[in-house]
Amino acid sequence: MLKTIKRFGYPLLCVALWLSVVFISGCEKDQAWKNGARAPQISVLDLKDGTVKLSDFKGKVIVLRFWATGCKECVSGMPLLDGYRKKYSEKDLAVLGINIGGSKELVEAFAKGLKISFPVLLDPAMMASKKYLIRSVPTTCFIDRNGIAKQVIAGEIPQQVFDGIVGKLL
């Protein structure tokens, strides 16, 4: 009997631990971006080390711009995006620039240099970008007032396209 426990005890213990981890982690599986579904909840840092959650903007149309400091198109597009935001400043539109992988110091310097007025947020571990299935930058995600994922556009967005999408959501 003791030989049987020694022989099968360790493998059974390993299997039991593995199953526990699988069941526990499966209880709260991360949601990924899917058009028409609830937008994935994210929590990122602002430049003052405060936590910003997507749920902080409940009831607003949300535009998430994922960008990187090493991306010329991203950097040149930030003032354009700021202009779009200013155009809709009287409406419930939240524009958030989420930097992927950059250091706080570098991102802060870029934000100051660009003189943009929307929140610039940090995703150093790329957790938010993974949930939003970001494969290239810049990528912009549009979320309606009910938190439903509506559209994703990779690359820069012309004013007319931005106006069309946001106009439908507002």
N, C-alpha and C. Protein backbone atom coordinates (compact mmCIF):
# COMPACT_ATOMS: atom_id res chain seq x y z
N MET A 1 0.82 -1.19 0.00
CA MET A 1 0.00 0.00 0.00
C MET A 1 0.87 1.26 0.00
N LEU A 2 1.88 1.32 0.87
CA LEU A 2 2.76 2.46 0.96
C LEU A 2 3.56 2.64 -0.34
N LYS A 3 3.95 1.52 -0.96
CA LYS A 3 4.66 1.59 -2.23
C LYS A 3 3.75 2.18 -3.31
N THR A 4 2.47 1.82 -3.27
CA THR A 4 1.51 2.32 -4.25
C THR A 4 1.34 3.83 -4.11
N ILE A 5 1.23 4.30 -2.86
CA ILE A 5 1.09 5.74 -2.61
C ILE A 5 2.34 6.48 -3.08
N LYS A 6 3.52 5.94 -2.77
CA LYS A 6 4.76 6.57 -3.20
C LYS A 6 4.86 6.58 -4.72
N ARG A 7 4.40 5.48 -5.34
CA ARG A 7 4.52 5.35 -6.78
C ARG A 7 3.57 6.29 -7.51
N PHE A 8 2.33 6.42 -7.04
CA PHE A 8 1.34 7.23 -7.73
C PHE A 8 1.04 8.56 -7.05
N GLY A 9 1.49 8.73 -5.82
CA GLY A 9 1.17 9.94 -5.06
C GLY A 9 1.70 11.21 -5.68
N TYR A 10 2.96 11.24 -6.07
CA TYR A 10 3.56 12.44 -6.63
C TYR A 10 2.91 12.81 -7.97
N PRO A 11 2.77 11.87 -8.90
CA PRO A 11 2.10 12.24 -10.16
C PRO A 11 0.66 12.70 -9.95
N LEU A 12 -0.05 12.07 -9.02
CA LEU A 12 -1.43 12.48 -8.75
C LEU A 12 -1.48 13.88 -8.15
N LEU A 13 -0.52 14.16 -7.27
CA LEU A 13 -0.45 15.48 -6.67
C LEU A 13 -0.19 16.54 -7.74
N CYS A 14 0.71 16.25 -8.65
CA CYS A 14 1.01 17.19 -9.75
C CYS A 14 -0.23 17.42 -10.62
N VAL A 15 -0.94 16.36 -10.95
CA VAL A 15 -2.15 16.49 -11.76
C VAL A 15 -3.21 17.30 -11.01
N ALA A 16 -3.37 17.04 -9.73
CA ALA A 16 -4.35 17.78 -8.93
C ALA A 16 -4.01 19.26 -8.87
N LEU A 17 -2.74 19.59 -8.69
CA LEU A 17 -2.33 21.00 -8.66
C LEU A 17 -2.55 21.65 -10.02
N TRP A 18 -2.21 20.96 -11.09
CA TRP A 18 -2.40 21.50 -12.43
C TRP A 18 -3.87 21.76 -12.70
N LEU A 19 -4.74 20.81 -12.35
CA LEU A 19 -6.19 21.00 -12.55
C LEU A 19 -6.72 22.16 -11.72
N SER A 20 -6.20 22.33 -10.52
CA SER A 20 -6.63 23.46 -9.68
C SER A 20 -6.29 24.79 -10.34
N VAL A 21 -5.09 24.89 -10.87
CA VAL A 21 -4.67 26.11 -11.54
C VAL A 21 -5.54 26.36 -12.77
N VAL A 22 -5.81 25.32 -13.55
CA VAL A 22 -6.64 25.47 -14.75
C VAL A 22 -8.03 25.94 -14.39
N PHE A 23 -8.64 25.33 -13.39
CA PHE A 23 -10.00 25.71 -13.01
C PHE A 23 -10.06 27.11 -12.41
N ILE A 24 -9.10 27.45 -11.58
CA ILE A 24 -9.10 28.78 -10.96
C ILE A 24 -8.86 29.86 -12.01
N SER A 25 -7.89 29.66 -12.89
CA SER A 25 -7.61 30.69 -13.89
C SER A 25 -8.72 30.74 -14.93
N GLY A 26 -9.43 29.68 -15.13
CA GLY A 26 -10.53 29.66 -16.09
C GLY A 26 -11.75 30.41 -15.60
N CYS A 27 -11.83 30.67 -14.33
CA CYS A 27 -12.99 31.36 -13.78
C CYS A 27 -13.06 32.81 -14.23
N GLU A 28 -11.93 33.43 -14.48
CA GLU A 28 -11.93 34.83 -14.87
C GLU A 28 -11.03 35.02 -16.07
N LYS A 29 -11.44 34.43 -17.17
CA LYS A 29 -10.68 34.50 -18.39
C LYS A 29 -10.72 35.91 -18.96
N ASP A 30 -9.57 36.41 -19.38
CA ASP A 30 -9.50 37.74 -19.98
C ASP A 30 -10.30 37.77 -21.27
N GLN A 31 -11.06 38.82 -21.42
CA GLN A 31 -11.83 39.02 -22.61
C GLN A 31 -10.97 39.76 -23.62
N ALA A 32 -11.09 39.42 -24.89
CA ALA A 32 -10.35 40.12 -25.93
C ALA A 32 -11.34 40.88 -26.81
N TRP A 33 -10.83 41.85 -27.55
CA TRP A 33 -11.64 42.69 -28.45
C TRP A 33 -12.40 41.83 -29.44
N LYS A 34 -13.68 42.13 -29.57
CA LYS A 34 -14.52 41.50 -30.59
C LYS A 34 -15.61 42.49 -30.93
N ASN A 35 -15.69 42.90 -32.19
CA ASN A 35 -16.72 43.85 -32.60
C ASN A 35 -18.10 43.36 -32.18
N GLY A 36 -18.88 44.25 -31.59
CA GLY A 36 -20.24 43.91 -31.15
C GLY A 36 -20.33 43.34 -29.76
N ALA A 37 -19.19 43.04 -29.15
CA ALA A 37 -19.17 42.50 -27.79
C ALA A 37 -18.73 43.61 -26.83
N ARG A 38 -18.87 43.35 -25.55
CA ARG A 38 -18.41 44.31 -24.55
C ARG A 38 -16.91 44.51 -24.72
N ALA A 39 -16.49 45.76 -24.73
CA ALA A 39 -15.05 46.07 -24.87
C ALA A 39 -14.29 45.54 -23.66
N PRO A 40 -13.12 45.00 -23.88
CA PRO A 40 -12.33 44.49 -22.75
C PRO A 40 -12.03 45.59 -21.74
N GLN A 41 -12.16 45.25 -20.48
CA GLN A 41 -11.83 46.20 -19.42
C GLN A 41 -10.32 46.25 -19.26
N ILE A 42 -9.81 47.46 -19.18
CA ILE A 42 -8.37 47.64 -19.01
C ILE A 42 -8.12 48.61 -17.87
N SER A 43 -6.94 48.51 -17.33
CA SER A 43 -6.48 49.40 -16.28
C SER A 43 -5.05 49.78 -16.62
N VAL A 44 -4.81 51.06 -16.87
CA VAL A 44 -3.49 51.55 -17.26
C VAL A 44 -3.10 52.72 -16.37
N LEU A 45 -1.87 53.15 -16.49
CA LEU A 45 -1.38 54.27 -15.66
C LEU A 45 -1.34 55.55 -16.47
N ASP A 46 -1.66 56.66 -15.79
CA ASP A 46 -1.47 57.96 -16.44
C ASP A 46 -0.06 58.45 -16.12
N LEU A 47 0.30 59.61 -16.59
CA LEU A 47 1.66 60.12 -16.41
C LEU A 47 1.96 60.58 -14.99
N LYS A 48 0.92 60.59 -14.13
CA LYS A 48 1.12 60.95 -12.72
C LYS A 48 1.02 59.72 -11.81
N ASP A 49 1.15 58.53 -12.42
CA ASP A 49 1.09 57.24 -11.74
C ASP A 49 -0.29 56.91 -11.18
N GLY A 50 -1.31 57.58 -11.67
CA GLY A 50 -2.68 57.25 -11.28
C GLY A 50 -3.23 56.14 -12.17
N THR A 51 -4.14 55.37 -11.64
CA THR A 51 -4.75 54.29 -12.40
C THR A 51 -5.97 54.80 -13.15
N VAL A 52 -6.04 54.49 -14.42
CA VAL A 52 -7.17 54.87 -15.25
C VAL A 52 -7.80 53.58 -15.77
N LYS A 53 -9.11 53.47 -15.56
CA LYS A 53 -9.84 52.29 -16.02
C LYS A 53 -10.80 52.70 -17.12
N LEU A 54 -11.06 51.79 -18.01
CA LEU A 54 -12.02 52.06 -19.08
C LEU A 54 -13.39 52.39 -18.48
N SER A 55 -13.72 51.74 -17.38
CA SER A 55 -15.02 51.97 -16.73
C SER A 55 -15.15 53.40 -16.19
N ASP A 56 -14.05 54.15 -16.06
CA ASP A 56 -14.10 55.54 -15.62
C ASP A 56 -14.84 56.42 -16.63
N PHE A 57 -15.00 55.93 -17.85
CA PHE A 57 -15.61 56.72 -18.92
C PHE A 57 -16.98 56.18 -19.32
N LYS A 58 -17.63 55.52 -18.38
CA LYS A 58 -18.95 54.94 -18.62
C LYS A 58 -19.91 56.03 -19.11
N GLY A 59 -20.68 55.71 -20.14
CA GLY A 59 -21.66 56.64 -20.69
C GLY A 59 -21.10 57.55 -21.77
N LYS A 60 -19.79 57.45 -22.04
CA LYS A 60 -19.16 58.27 -23.08
C LYS A 60 -18.77 57.39 -24.26
N VAL A 61 -18.67 58.01 -25.42
CA VAL A 61 -18.07 57.33 -26.56
C VAL A 61 -16.56 57.41 -26.33
N ILE A 62 -15.89 56.28 -26.47
CA ILE A 62 -14.46 56.21 -26.16
C ILE A 62 -13.67 55.89 -27.43
N VAL A 63 -12.61 56.67 -27.62
CA VAL A 63 -11.67 56.42 -28.71
C VAL A 63 -10.33 56.11 -28.06
N LEU A 64 -9.85 54.89 -28.27
CA LEU A 64 -8.55 54.48 -27.74
C LEU A 64 -7.55 54.48 -28.88
N ARG A 65 -6.48 55.24 -28.74
CA ARG A 65 -5.42 55.23 -29.75
C ARG A 65 -4.21 54.55 -29.14
N PHE A 66 -3.85 53.40 -29.68
CA PHE A 66 -2.63 52.70 -29.26
C PHE A 66 -1.50 53.20 -30.14
N TRP A 67 -0.39 53.59 -29.50
CA TRP A 67 0.72 54.18 -30.24
C TRP A 67 2.04 53.86 -29.58
N ALA A 68 3.12 54.18 -30.28
CA ALA A 68 4.47 53.98 -29.75
C ALA A 68 5.32 55.18 -30.11
N THR A 69 6.28 55.50 -29.26
CA THR A 69 7.12 56.68 -29.49
C THR A 69 8.03 56.49 -30.70
N GLY A 70 8.37 55.27 -31.04
CA GLY A 70 9.26 55.01 -32.18
C GLY A 70 8.53 54.96 -33.51
N CYS A 71 7.25 55.23 -33.52
CA CYS A 71 6.42 55.16 -34.73
C CYS A 71 6.18 56.58 -35.24
N LYS A 72 6.76 56.91 -36.38
CA LYS A 72 6.64 58.27 -36.93
C LYS A 72 5.18 58.62 -37.24
N GLU A 73 4.44 57.67 -37.81
CA GLU A 73 3.03 57.92 -38.12
C GLU A 73 2.22 58.17 -36.85
N CYS A 74 2.57 57.45 -35.78
CA CYS A 74 1.88 57.63 -34.49
C CYS A 74 2.09 59.05 -33.98
N VAL A 75 3.35 59.46 -33.96
CA VAL A 75 3.70 60.76 -33.39
C VAL A 75 3.09 61.89 -34.22
N SER A 76 3.19 61.79 -35.55
CA SER A 76 2.63 62.85 -36.40
C SER A 76 1.10 62.86 -36.35
N GLY A 77 0.48 61.73 -36.03
CA GLY A 77 -0.98 61.65 -35.97
C GLY A 77 -1.58 62.13 -34.66
N MET A 78 -0.78 62.27 -33.63
CA MET A 78 -1.31 62.68 -32.33
C MET A 78 -1.93 64.08 -32.36
N PRO A 79 -1.29 65.09 -32.97
CA PRO A 79 -1.94 66.41 -33.05
C PRO A 79 -3.24 66.37 -33.86
N LEU A 80 -3.29 65.54 -34.90
CA LEU A 80 -4.53 65.39 -35.67
C LEU A 80 -5.64 64.84 -34.79
N LEU A 81 -5.30 63.80 -34.02
CA LEU A 81 -6.28 63.20 -33.12
C LEU A 81 -6.74 64.22 -32.08
N ASP A 82 -5.83 65.05 -31.61
CA ASP A 82 -6.18 66.08 -30.65
C ASP A 82 -7.15 67.08 -31.28
N GLY A 83 -6.93 67.40 -32.53
CA GLY A 83 -7.86 68.29 -33.25
C GLY A 83 -9.24 67.66 -33.37
N TYR A 84 -9.29 66.38 -33.64
CA TYR A 84 -10.58 65.68 -33.73
C TYR A 84 -11.29 65.75 -32.37
N ARG A 85 -10.51 65.53 -31.30
CA ARG A 85 -11.09 65.57 -29.95
C ARG A 85 -11.66 66.95 -29.65
N LYS A 86 -10.92 67.98 -30.01
CA LYS A 86 -11.38 69.36 -29.76
C LYS A 86 -12.67 69.66 -30.51
N LYS A 87 -12.80 69.11 -31.70
CA LYS A 87 -14.01 69.32 -32.50
C LYS A 87 -15.25 68.80 -31.76
N TYR A 88 -15.08 67.72 -31.00
CA TYR A 88 -16.20 67.11 -30.28
C TYR A 88 -16.15 67.39 -28.78
N SER A 89 -15.48 68.45 -28.38
CA SER A 89 -15.29 68.73 -26.96
C SER A 89 -16.61 69.00 -26.22
N GLU A 90 -17.62 69.43 -26.92
CA GLU A 90 -18.92 69.69 -26.29
C GLU A 90 -19.76 68.42 -26.12
N LYS A 91 -19.33 67.36 -26.73
CA LYS A 91 -20.08 66.10 -26.68
C LYS A 91 -19.37 65.13 -25.74
N ASP A 92 -20.02 64.04 -25.45
CA ASP A 92 -19.45 63.04 -24.54
C ASP A 92 -18.50 62.11 -25.28
N LEU A 93 -17.35 62.64 -25.66
CA LEU A 93 -16.33 61.86 -26.34
C LEU A 93 -15.07 61.86 -25.49
N ALA A 94 -14.54 60.68 -25.22
CA ALA A 94 -13.29 60.54 -24.47
C ALA A 94 -12.25 59.97 -25.42
N VAL A 95 -11.16 60.69 -25.60
CA VAL A 95 -10.04 60.23 -26.42
C VAL A 95 -8.89 59.91 -25.48
N LEU A 96 -8.35 58.71 -25.60
CA LEU A 96 -7.26 58.26 -24.74
C LEU A 96 -6.13 57.74 -25.60
N GLY A 97 -4.93 58.25 -25.39
CA GLY A 97 -3.75 57.76 -26.12
C GLY A 97 -3.00 56.78 -25.24
N ILE A 98 -2.93 55.53 -25.65
CA ILE A 98 -2.27 54.50 -24.85
C ILE A 98 -0.95 54.13 -25.50
N ASN A 99 0.13 54.49 -24.83
CA ASN A 99 1.46 54.19 -25.34
C ASN A 99 1.81 52.75 -25.00
N ILE A 100 2.37 52.06 -25.96
CA ILE A 100 2.72 50.65 -25.78
C ILE A 100 4.22 50.53 -25.54
N GLY A 101 4.57 50.08 -24.35
CA GLY A 101 5.93 49.70 -24.04
C GLY A 101 6.94 50.80 -23.77
N GLY A 102 6.57 52.07 -23.88
CA GLY A 102 7.52 53.15 -23.65
C GLY A 102 7.71 53.45 -22.17
N SER A 103 8.86 54.03 -21.84
CA SER A 103 9.10 54.43 -20.46
C SER A 103 8.29 55.68 -20.15
N LYS A 104 7.99 55.86 -18.89
CA LYS A 104 7.21 57.02 -18.46
C LYS A 104 7.90 58.31 -18.87
N GLU A 105 9.20 58.39 -18.67
CA GLU A 105 9.95 59.60 -18.96
C GLU A 105 9.90 59.95 -20.45
N LEU A 106 10.08 58.96 -21.29
CA LEU A 106 10.07 59.18 -22.73
C LEU A 106 8.68 59.59 -23.21
N VAL A 107 7.65 58.90 -22.73
CA VAL A 107 6.27 59.21 -23.13
C VAL A 107 5.87 60.59 -22.65
N GLU A 108 6.26 60.92 -21.44
CA GLU A 108 5.95 62.24 -20.89
C GLU A 108 6.59 63.35 -21.73
N ALA A 109 7.82 63.14 -22.13
CA ALA A 109 8.51 64.13 -22.97
C ALA A 109 7.81 64.29 -24.31
N PHE A 110 7.39 63.18 -24.90
CA PHE A 110 6.65 63.24 -26.17
C PHE A 110 5.34 63.99 -26.00
N ALA A 111 4.60 63.67 -24.96
CA ALA A 111 3.29 64.30 -24.73
C ALA A 111 3.44 65.82 -24.56
N LYS A 112 4.45 66.24 -23.80
CA LYS A 112 4.69 67.67 -23.60
C LYS A 112 5.09 68.34 -24.90
N GLY A 113 5.94 67.68 -25.66
CA GLY A 113 6.40 68.24 -26.92
C GLY A 113 5.29 68.36 -27.95
N LEU A 114 4.34 67.45 -27.91
CA LEU A 114 3.24 67.47 -28.88
C LEU A 114 2.11 68.40 -28.46
N LYS A 115 2.10 68.79 -27.19
CA LYS A 115 1.07 69.69 -26.65
C LYS A 115 -0.35 69.19 -26.92
N ILE A 116 -0.56 67.92 -26.62
CA ILE A 116 -1.90 67.35 -26.81
C ILE A 116 -2.70 67.49 -25.52
N SER A 117 -4.02 67.55 -25.67
CA SER A 117 -4.86 67.81 -24.51
C SER A 117 -5.61 66.58 -24.00
N PHE A 118 -5.52 65.47 -24.70
CA PHE A 118 -6.20 64.27 -24.21
C PHE A 118 -5.24 63.46 -23.33
N PRO A 119 -5.79 62.61 -22.46
CA PRO A 119 -4.93 61.83 -21.56
C PRO A 119 -4.00 60.89 -22.31
N VAL A 120 -2.74 60.91 -21.92
CA VAL A 120 -1.75 59.97 -22.45
C VAL A 120 -1.50 58.95 -21.35
N LEU A 121 -1.69 57.69 -21.70
CA LEU A 121 -1.62 56.61 -20.72
C LEU A 121 -0.50 55.64 -21.09
N LEU A 122 -0.10 54.86 -20.10
CA LEU A 122 1.03 53.94 -20.27
C LEU A 122 0.59 52.48 -20.18
N ASP A 123 1.09 51.69 -21.11
CA ASP A 123 0.85 50.25 -21.12
C ASP A 123 2.21 49.55 -21.25
N PRO A 124 3.08 49.72 -20.21
CA PRO A 124 4.46 49.22 -20.33
C PRO A 124 4.56 47.71 -20.45
N ALA A 125 3.66 46.97 -19.83
CA ALA A 125 3.70 45.50 -19.90
C ALA A 125 2.86 44.98 -21.07
N MET A 126 2.25 45.89 -21.81
CA MET A 126 1.44 45.57 -22.99
C MET A 126 0.24 44.67 -22.68
N MET A 127 -0.31 44.80 -21.49
CA MET A 127 -1.48 44.01 -21.12
C MET A 127 -2.73 44.52 -21.85
N ALA A 128 -2.91 45.84 -21.90
CA ALA A 128 -4.07 46.41 -22.58
C ALA A 128 -4.01 46.12 -24.07
N SER A 129 -2.84 46.28 -24.66
CA SER A 129 -2.71 46.05 -26.10
C SER A 129 -2.96 44.58 -26.45
N LYS A 130 -2.63 43.68 -25.56
CA LYS A 130 -2.92 42.26 -25.80
C LYS A 130 -4.43 42.01 -25.78
N LYS A 131 -5.12 42.61 -24.82
CA LYS A 131 -6.58 42.44 -24.74
C LYS A 131 -7.28 43.01 -25.97
N TYR A 132 -6.70 44.07 -26.53
CA TYR A 132 -7.29 44.72 -27.69
C TYR A 132 -6.72 44.19 -29.01
N LEU A 133 -5.92 43.13 -28.92
CA LEU A 133 -5.36 42.44 -30.08
C LEU A 133 -4.62 43.38 -31.03
N ILE A 134 -3.85 44.29 -30.45
CA ILE A 134 -3.12 45.28 -31.24
C ILE A 134 -1.91 44.60 -31.89
N ARG A 135 -1.86 44.70 -33.21
CA ARG A 135 -0.78 44.07 -33.96
C ARG A 135 0.13 45.10 -34.64
N SER A 136 -0.36 46.33 -34.76
CA SER A 136 0.45 47.40 -35.35
C SER A 136 0.02 48.73 -34.74
N VAL A 137 0.89 49.71 -34.89
CA VAL A 137 0.56 51.05 -34.38
C VAL A 137 0.73 52.05 -35.51
N PRO A 138 -0.05 53.10 -35.54
CA PRO A 138 -1.16 53.36 -34.61
C PRO A 138 -2.37 52.49 -34.94
N THR A 139 -3.11 52.15 -33.92
CA THR A 139 -4.40 51.48 -34.06
C THR A 139 -5.39 52.20 -33.16
N THR A 140 -6.57 52.46 -33.72
CA THR A 140 -7.60 53.19 -32.98
C THR A 140 -8.83 52.32 -32.83
N CYS A 141 -9.34 52.24 -31.60
CA CYS A 141 -10.52 51.45 -31.27
C CYS A 141 -11.65 52.39 -30.86
N PHE A 142 -12.84 52.13 -31.37
CA PHE A 142 -14.02 52.95 -31.06
C PHE A 142 -14.99 52.11 -30.24
N ILE A 143 -15.46 52.70 -29.14
CA ILE A 143 -16.36 52.02 -28.19
C ILE A 143 -17.57 52.91 -27.97
N ASP A 144 -18.77 52.34 -28.02
CA ASP A 144 -19.97 53.17 -27.87
C ASP A 144 -20.26 53.48 -26.40
N ARG A 145 -21.32 54.24 -26.17
CA ARG A 145 -21.68 54.69 -24.82
C ARG A 145 -22.00 53.54 -23.87
N ASN A 146 -22.38 52.40 -24.42
CA ASN A 146 -22.73 51.25 -23.60
C ASN A 146 -21.55 50.31 -23.37
N GLY A 147 -20.36 50.73 -23.81
CA GLY A 147 -19.17 49.90 -23.61
C GLY A 147 -19.03 48.79 -24.63
N ILE A 148 -19.71 48.92 -25.77
CA ILE A 148 -19.66 47.89 -26.80
C ILE A 148 -18.59 48.25 -27.83
N ALA A 149 -17.74 47.29 -28.15
CA ALA A 149 -16.68 47.46 -29.15
C ALA A 149 -17.31 47.61 -30.52
N LYS A 150 -17.01 48.71 -31.20
CA LYS A 150 -17.65 48.98 -32.48
C LYS A 150 -16.73 48.84 -33.68
N GLN A 151 -15.53 49.39 -33.61
CA GLN A 151 -14.68 49.36 -34.80
C GLN A 151 -13.22 49.55 -34.42
N VAL A 152 -12.34 48.96 -35.23
CA VAL A 152 -10.89 49.12 -35.07
C VAL A 152 -10.32 49.54 -36.41
N ILE A 153 -9.43 50.53 -36.37
CA ILE A 153 -8.76 50.97 -37.59
C ILE A 153 -7.27 51.02 -37.33
N ALA A 154 -6.52 50.29 -38.14
CA ALA A 154 -5.06 50.34 -38.08
C ALA A 154 -4.59 51.44 -39.02
N GLY A 155 -3.61 52.19 -38.57
CA GLY A 155 -3.09 53.28 -39.39
C GLY A 155 -3.74 54.60 -39.02
N GLU A 156 -3.33 55.64 -39.72
CA GLU A 156 -3.86 56.97 -39.44
C GLU A 156 -5.29 57.07 -39.97
N ILE A 157 -6.10 57.92 -39.32
CA ILE A 157 -7.51 58.06 -39.67
C ILE A 157 -7.76 59.45 -40.23
N PRO A 158 -8.23 59.54 -41.47
CA PRO A 158 -8.59 60.86 -42.02
C PRO A 158 -9.79 61.45 -41.27
N GLN A 159 -9.86 62.76 -41.24
CA GLN A 159 -10.93 63.48 -40.54
C GLN A 159 -12.32 62.97 -40.95
N GLN A 160 -12.54 62.76 -42.23
CA GLN A 160 -13.86 62.35 -42.72
C GLN A 160 -14.25 60.97 -42.16
N VAL A 161 -13.31 60.06 -42.10
CA VAL A 161 -13.58 58.72 -41.55
C VAL A 161 -13.86 58.82 -40.06
N PHE A 162 -13.03 59.57 -39.34
CA PHE A 162 -13.22 59.76 -37.90
C PHE A 162 -14.60 60.35 -37.64
N ASP A 163 -14.96 61.41 -38.37
CA ASP A 163 -16.26 62.06 -38.20
C ASP A 163 -17.41 61.10 -38.46
N GLY A 164 -17.27 60.26 -39.47
CA GLY A 164 -18.33 59.30 -39.79
C GLY A 164 -18.56 58.30 -38.67
N ILE A 165 -17.48 57.76 -38.14
CA ILE A 165 -17.60 56.76 -37.07
C ILE A 165 -18.13 57.41 -35.79
N VAL A 166 -17.48 58.49 -35.38
CA VAL A 166 -17.88 59.16 -34.13
C VAL A 166 -19.28 59.73 -34.25
N GLY A 167 -19.62 60.26 -35.42
CA GLY A 167 -20.97 60.81 -35.62
C GLY A 167 -22.06 59.78 -35.39
N LYS A 168 -21.82 58.54 -35.82
CA LYS A 168 -22.80 57.46 -35.60
C LYS A 168 -22.89 57.07 -34.12
N LEU A 169 -21.78 57.16 -33.42
CA LEU A 169 -21.74 56.73 -32.02
C LEU A 169 -22.26 57.79 -31.05
N LEU A 170 -22.11 59.06 -31.42
CA LEU A 170 -22.58 60.13 -30.54
C LEU A 170 -24.08 60.29 -30.72
